[in-house]
Amino acid sequence: MSEKTATREQPVDVRGPRFAAWVTTVVLAVVLLTQWWWLLAAQLLIFAIGGFVGLRYSPYSWVFRTLVAPRLSPPTEREPTPPLRFAQSVGFVFAAVGLAGFLTGLNWLGLVATALALIAALLNAAFGFCLGCRMYLLLHRISPSH
């Protein structure tokens, strides 16, 4: 999906990405505790869908939209999707490095990359601080042509 298409996506309820960040936090914590490479591969796929296909197609977004959001009051705040998709892409990179580490026997690399992704997910889940979104905004300040 092109950047032009991504910018046309509707802003999302801010509670959706935080919900996804909580689920991601749990998944990555389990990966750290168990070193289950297949679970990290599943999270990698979810990051890929959110980052490269679109947030609305992400399984966590679907769960939020269909099971959680109907039980909540209407959203009072929305946020644009391009920074969130960028954050998913950054998560994809860390998960890919982690998966490569686990699959090649460099478990320390798998653990470090997974831990870094976990920290970013936890910051978003617990404090609403999206590290990838901040990186996106910083990159756009530095190079507004992107």
C-alpha atoms as a PDB file:
ATOM      1  CA  MET A   1       0.000   0.000   0.000  1.00  0.00           C
ATOM      2  CA  SER A   2       1.403   3.367  -0.939  1.00  0.00           C
ATOM      3  CA  GLU A   3       1.977   6.285   1.417  1.00  0.00           C
ATOM      4  CA  LYS A   4      -0.790   8.151  -0.398  1.00  0.00           C
ATOM      5  CA  THR A   5      -3.265   5.354   0.358  1.00  0.00           C
ATOM      6  CA  ALA A   6      -2.042   5.091   3.941  1.00  0.00           C
ATOM      7  CA  THR A   7      -2.703   8.770   4.577  1.00  0.00           C
ATOM      8  CA  ARG A   8      -6.306   8.340   3.382  1.00  0.00           C
ATOM      9  CA  GLU A   9      -7.066   5.755   6.057  1.00  0.00           C
ATOM     10  CA  GLN A  10      -9.515   6.976   8.638  1.00  0.00           C
ATOM     11  CA  PRO A  11      -8.093   7.986  12.020  1.00  0.00           C
ATOM     12  CA  VAL A  12      -8.548   5.283  14.637  1.00  0.00           C
ATOM     13  CA  ASP A  13      -9.886   5.224  18.176  1.00  0.00           C
ATOM     14  CA  VAL A  14      -6.811   5.713  20.395  1.00  0.00           C
ATOM     15  CA  ARG A  15      -7.929   2.826  22.590  1.00  0.00           C
ATOM     16  CA  GLY A  16      -7.458   0.346  19.718  1.00  0.00           C
ATOM     17  CA  PRO A  17      -3.669   0.714  19.408  1.00  0.00           C
ATOM     18  CA  ARG A  18      -3.335   0.591  23.184  1.00  0.00           C
ATOM     19  CA  PHE A  19      -5.349  -2.626  23.263  1.00  0.00           C
ATOM     20  CA  ALA A  20      -3.099  -4.054  20.545  1.00  0.00           C
ATOM     21  CA  ALA A  21      -0.040  -2.921  22.512  1.00  0.00           C
ATOM     22  CA  TRP A  22      -1.286  -4.814  25.600  1.00  0.00           C
ATOM     23  CA  VAL A  23      -1.782  -7.996  23.578  1.00  0.00           C
ATOM     24  CA  THR A  24       1.631  -7.522  21.955  1.00  0.00           C
ATOM     25  CA  THR A  25       3.196  -6.992  25.384  1.00  0.00           C
ATOM     26  CA  VAL A  26       1.807 -10.297  26.618  1.00  0.00           C
ATOM     27  CA  VAL A  27       2.890 -12.157  23.464  1.00  0.00           C
ATOM     28  CA  LEU A  28       6.433 -10.753  23.586  1.00  0.00           C
ATOM     29  CA  ALA A  29       6.730 -11.450  27.335  1.00  0.00           C
ATOM     30  CA  VAL A  30       5.782 -15.076  26.685  1.00  0.00           C
ATOM     31  CA  VAL A  31       8.387 -15.219  23.896  1.00  0.00           C
ATOM     32  CA  LEU A  32      11.041 -13.902  26.309  1.00  0.00           C
ATOM     33  CA  LEU A  33      10.112 -16.452  28.955  1.00  0.00           C
ATOM     34  CA  THR A  34       9.814 -19.457  26.627  1.00  0.00           C
ATOM     35  CA  GLN A  35      11.926 -18.551  23.567  1.00  0.00           C
ATOM     36  CA  TRP A  36       9.108 -19.931  21.406  1.00  0.00           C
ATOM     37  CA  TRP A  37      10.294 -18.775  17.997  1.00  0.00           C
ATOM     38  CA  TRP A  38       6.967 -19.753  16.405  1.00  0.00           C
ATOM     39  CA  LEU A  39       5.094 -17.310  18.656  1.00  0.00           C
ATOM     40  CA  LEU A  40       7.498 -14.542  17.646  1.00  0.00           C
ATOM     41  CA  ALA A  41       6.889 -15.546  14.012  1.00  0.00           C
ATOM     42  CA  ALA A  42       3.145 -15.106  14.572  1.00  0.00           C
ATOM     43  CA  GLN A  43       3.748 -11.660  16.084  1.00  0.00           C
ATOM     44  CA  LEU A  44       6.010 -10.837  13.146  1.00  0.00           C
ATOM     45  CA  LEU A  45       3.122 -11.626  10.804  1.00  0.00           C
ATOM     46  CA  ILE A  46       0.787  -9.400  12.824  1.00  0.00           C
ATOM     47  CA  PHE A  47       3.314  -6.546  12.692  1.00  0.00           C
ATOM     48  CA  ALA A  48       3.618  -7.079   8.911  1.00  0.00           C
ATOM     49  CA  ILE A  49      -0.134  -6.893   8.394  1.00  0.00           C
ATOM     50  CA  GLY A  50      -0.496  -3.741  10.506  1.00  0.00           C
ATOM     51  CA  GLY A  51       2.529  -2.034   9.033  1.00  0.00           C
ATOM     52  CA  PHE A  52       2.406  -3.003   5.384  1.00  0.00           C
ATOM     53  CA  VAL A  53      -1.205  -3.955   4.613  1.00  0.00           C
ATOM     54  CA  GLY A  54      -3.179  -1.719   6.959  1.00  0.00           C
ATOM     55  CA  LEU A  55      -4.207  -1.438  10.576  1.00  0.00           C
ATOM     56  CA  ARG A  56      -7.797  -2.413   9.873  1.00  0.00           C
ATOM     57  CA  TYR A  57      -6.583  -5.833   8.642  1.00  0.00           C
ATOM     58  CA  SER A  58      -4.538  -6.609  11.735  1.00  0.00           C
ATOM     59  CA  PRO A  59      -6.011  -9.400  13.873  1.00  0.00           C
ATOM     60  CA  TYR A  60      -5.666  -7.302  17.039  1.00  0.00           C
ATOM     61  CA  SER A  61      -7.533  -4.427  15.377  1.00  0.00           C
ATOM     62  CA  TRP A  62     -10.282  -6.807  14.325  1.00  0.00           C
ATOM     63  CA  VAL A  63     -10.648  -8.138  17.878  1.00  0.00           C
ATOM     64  CA  PHE A  64     -10.801  -4.587  19.235  1.00  0.00           C
ATOM     65  CA  ARG A  65     -13.361  -3.433  16.634  1.00  0.00           C
ATOM     66  CA  THR A  66     -15.652  -6.447  16.906  1.00  0.00           C
ATOM     67  CA  LEU A  67     -15.389  -7.566  20.533  1.00  0.00           C
ATOM     68  CA  VAL A  68     -14.072  -4.687  22.642  1.00  0.00           C
ATOM     69  CA  ALA A  69     -15.147  -1.374  21.075  1.00  0.00           C
ATOM     70  CA  PRO A  70     -18.889  -2.193  21.023  1.00  0.00           C
ATOM     71  CA  ARG A  71     -18.751  -2.511  24.817  1.00  0.00           C
ATOM     72  CA  LEU A  72     -17.072   0.890  25.274  1.00  0.00           C
ATOM     73  CA  SER A  73     -18.407   4.408  25.089  1.00  0.00           C
ATOM     74  CA  PRO A  74     -17.908   6.146  21.736  1.00  0.00           C
ATOM     75  CA  PRO A  75     -14.339   7.335  21.183  1.00  0.00           C
ATOM     76  CA  THR A  76     -13.525  10.870  22.278  1.00  0.00           C
ATOM     77  CA  GLU A  77     -10.128  10.903  20.635  1.00  0.00           C
ATOM     78  CA  ARG A  78      -8.757   9.537  17.381  1.00  0.00           C
ATOM     79  CA  GLU A  79      -5.257   9.379  15.945  1.00  0.00           C
ATOM     80  CA  PRO A  80      -3.918   9.237  12.396  1.00  0.00           C
ATOM     81  CA  THR A  81      -2.828   5.888  11.017  1.00  0.00           C
ATOM     82  CA  PRO A  82       0.512   6.646   9.283  1.00  0.00           C
ATOM     83  CA  PRO A  83       2.518   6.951  12.548  1.00  0.00           C
ATOM     84  CA  LEU A  84       0.865   3.803  13.881  1.00  0.00           C
ATOM     85  CA  ARG A  85       1.647   1.877  10.712  1.00  0.00           C
ATOM     86  CA  PHE A  86       5.248   3.076  10.904  1.00  0.00           C
ATOM     87  CA  ALA A  87       5.394   1.838  14.504  1.00  0.00           C
ATOM     88  CA  GLN A  88       4.102  -1.565  13.359  1.00  0.00           C
ATOM     89  CA  SER A  89       6.837  -1.605  10.708  1.00  0.00           C
ATOM     90  CA  VAL A  90       9.475  -0.892  13.355  1.00  0.00           C
ATOM     91  CA  GLY A  91       8.030  -3.731  15.444  1.00  0.00           C
ATOM     92  CA  PHE A  92       8.293  -5.922  12.355  1.00  0.00           C
ATOM     93  CA  VAL A  93      12.018  -5.164  12.055  1.00  0.00           C
ATOM     94  CA  PHE A  94      12.717  -5.991  15.705  1.00  0.00           C
ATOM     95  CA  ALA A  95      10.626  -9.163  15.527  1.00  0.00           C
ATOM     96  CA  ALA A  96      12.432 -10.196  12.307  1.00  0.00           C
ATOM     97  CA  VAL A  97      15.832  -9.698  13.950  1.00  0.00           C
ATOM     98  CA  GLY A  98      14.643 -11.613  17.019  1.00  0.00           C
ATOM     99  CA  LEU A  99      13.285 -14.456  14.924  1.00  0.00           C
ATOM    100  CA  ALA A 100      16.517 -14.634  12.924  1.00  0.00           C
ATOM    101  CA  GLY A 101      18.425 -14.824  16.207  1.00  0.00           C
ATOM    102  CA  PHE A 102      16.332 -17.689  17.558  1.00  0.00           C
ATOM    103  CA  LEU A 103      16.386 -19.610  14.271  1.00  0.00           C
ATOM    104  CA  THR A 104      20.170 -19.345  13.874  1.00  0.00           C
ATOM    105  CA  GLY A 105      20.961 -20.309  17.449  1.00  0.00           C
ATOM    106  CA  LEU A 106      21.917 -16.756  18.454  1.00  0.00           C
ATOM    107  CA  ASN A 107      19.425 -16.806  21.297  1.00  0.00           C
ATOM    108  CA  TRP A 108      20.975 -13.702  22.863  1.00  0.00           C
ATOM    109  CA  LEU A 109      20.066 -11.763  19.697  1.00  0.00           C
ATOM    110  CA  GLY A 110      16.536 -13.150  19.783  1.00  0.00           C
ATOM    111  CA  LEU A 111      16.178 -12.183  23.415  1.00  0.00           C
ATOM    112  CA  VAL A 112      17.593  -8.656  23.005  1.00  0.00           C
ATOM    113  CA  ALA A 113      15.499  -7.831  19.931  1.00  0.00           C
ATOM    114  CA  THR A 114      12.361  -9.253  21.559  1.00  0.00           C
ATOM    115  CA  ALA A 115      13.065  -7.332  24.772  1.00  0.00           C
ATOM    116  CA  LEU A 116      13.427  -4.064  22.849  1.00  0.00           C
ATOM    117  CA  ALA A 117      10.126  -4.667  21.044  1.00  0.00           C
ATOM    118  CA  LEU A 118       8.542  -5.557  24.393  1.00  0.00           C
ATOM    119  CA  ILE A 119       9.734  -2.290  25.958  1.00  0.00           C
ATOM    120  CA  ALA A 120       8.223  -0.296  23.090  1.00  0.00           C
ATOM    121  CA  ALA A 121       4.914  -2.189  23.312  1.00  0.00           C
ATOM    122  CA  LEU A 122       4.763  -1.764  27.086  1.00  0.00           C
ATOM    123  CA  LEU A 123       5.432   1.983  26.831  1.00  0.00           C
ATOM    124  CA  ASN A 124       2.462   2.297  24.496  1.00  0.00           C
ATOM    125  CA  ALA A 125       0.199  -0.014  26.469  1.00  0.00           C
ATOM    126  CA  ALA A 126       0.869   1.365  29.943  1.00  0.00           C
ATOM    127  CA  PHE A 127       1.596   5.031  29.252  1.00  0.00           C
ATOM    128  CA  GLY A 128       0.209   5.756  25.786  1.00  0.00           C
ATOM    129  CA  PHE A 129       3.728   6.607  24.605  1.00  0.00           C
ATOM    130  CA  CYS A 130       4.155   5.203  21.103  1.00  0.00           C
ATOM    131  CA  LEU A 131       7.888   5.149  20.480  1.00  0.00           C
ATOM    132  CA  GLY A 132       7.490   4.261  16.791  1.00  0.00           C
ATOM    133  CA  CYS A 133       4.976   7.095  16.354  1.00  0.00           C
ATOM    134  CA  ARG A 134       7.462   9.531  17.883  1.00  0.00           C
ATOM    135  CA  MET A 135      10.155   8.246  15.523  1.00  0.00           C
ATOM    136  CA  TYR A 136       7.764   8.784  12.601  1.00  0.00           C
ATOM    137  CA  LEU A 137       7.096  12.400  13.627  1.00  0.00           C
ATOM    138  CA  LEU A 138      10.803  13.071  14.168  1.00  0.00           C
ATOM    139  CA  LEU A 139      11.665  11.659  10.742  1.00  0.00           C
ATOM    140  CA  HIS A 140       9.013  13.870   9.159  1.00  0.00           C
ATOM    141  CA  ARG A 141      10.428  16.935  10.893  1.00  0.00           C
ATOM    142  CA  ILE A 142      13.896  16.100   9.644  1.00  0.00           C
ATOM    143  CA  SER A 143      12.782  15.166   6.136  1.00  0.00           C
ATOM    144  CA  PRO A 144       9.261  16.484   5.415  1.00  0.00           C
ATOM    145  CA  SER A 145       9.305  15.065   1.884  1.00  0.00           C
ATOM    146  CA  HIS A 146       8.624  11.528   3.233  1.00  0.00           C
END
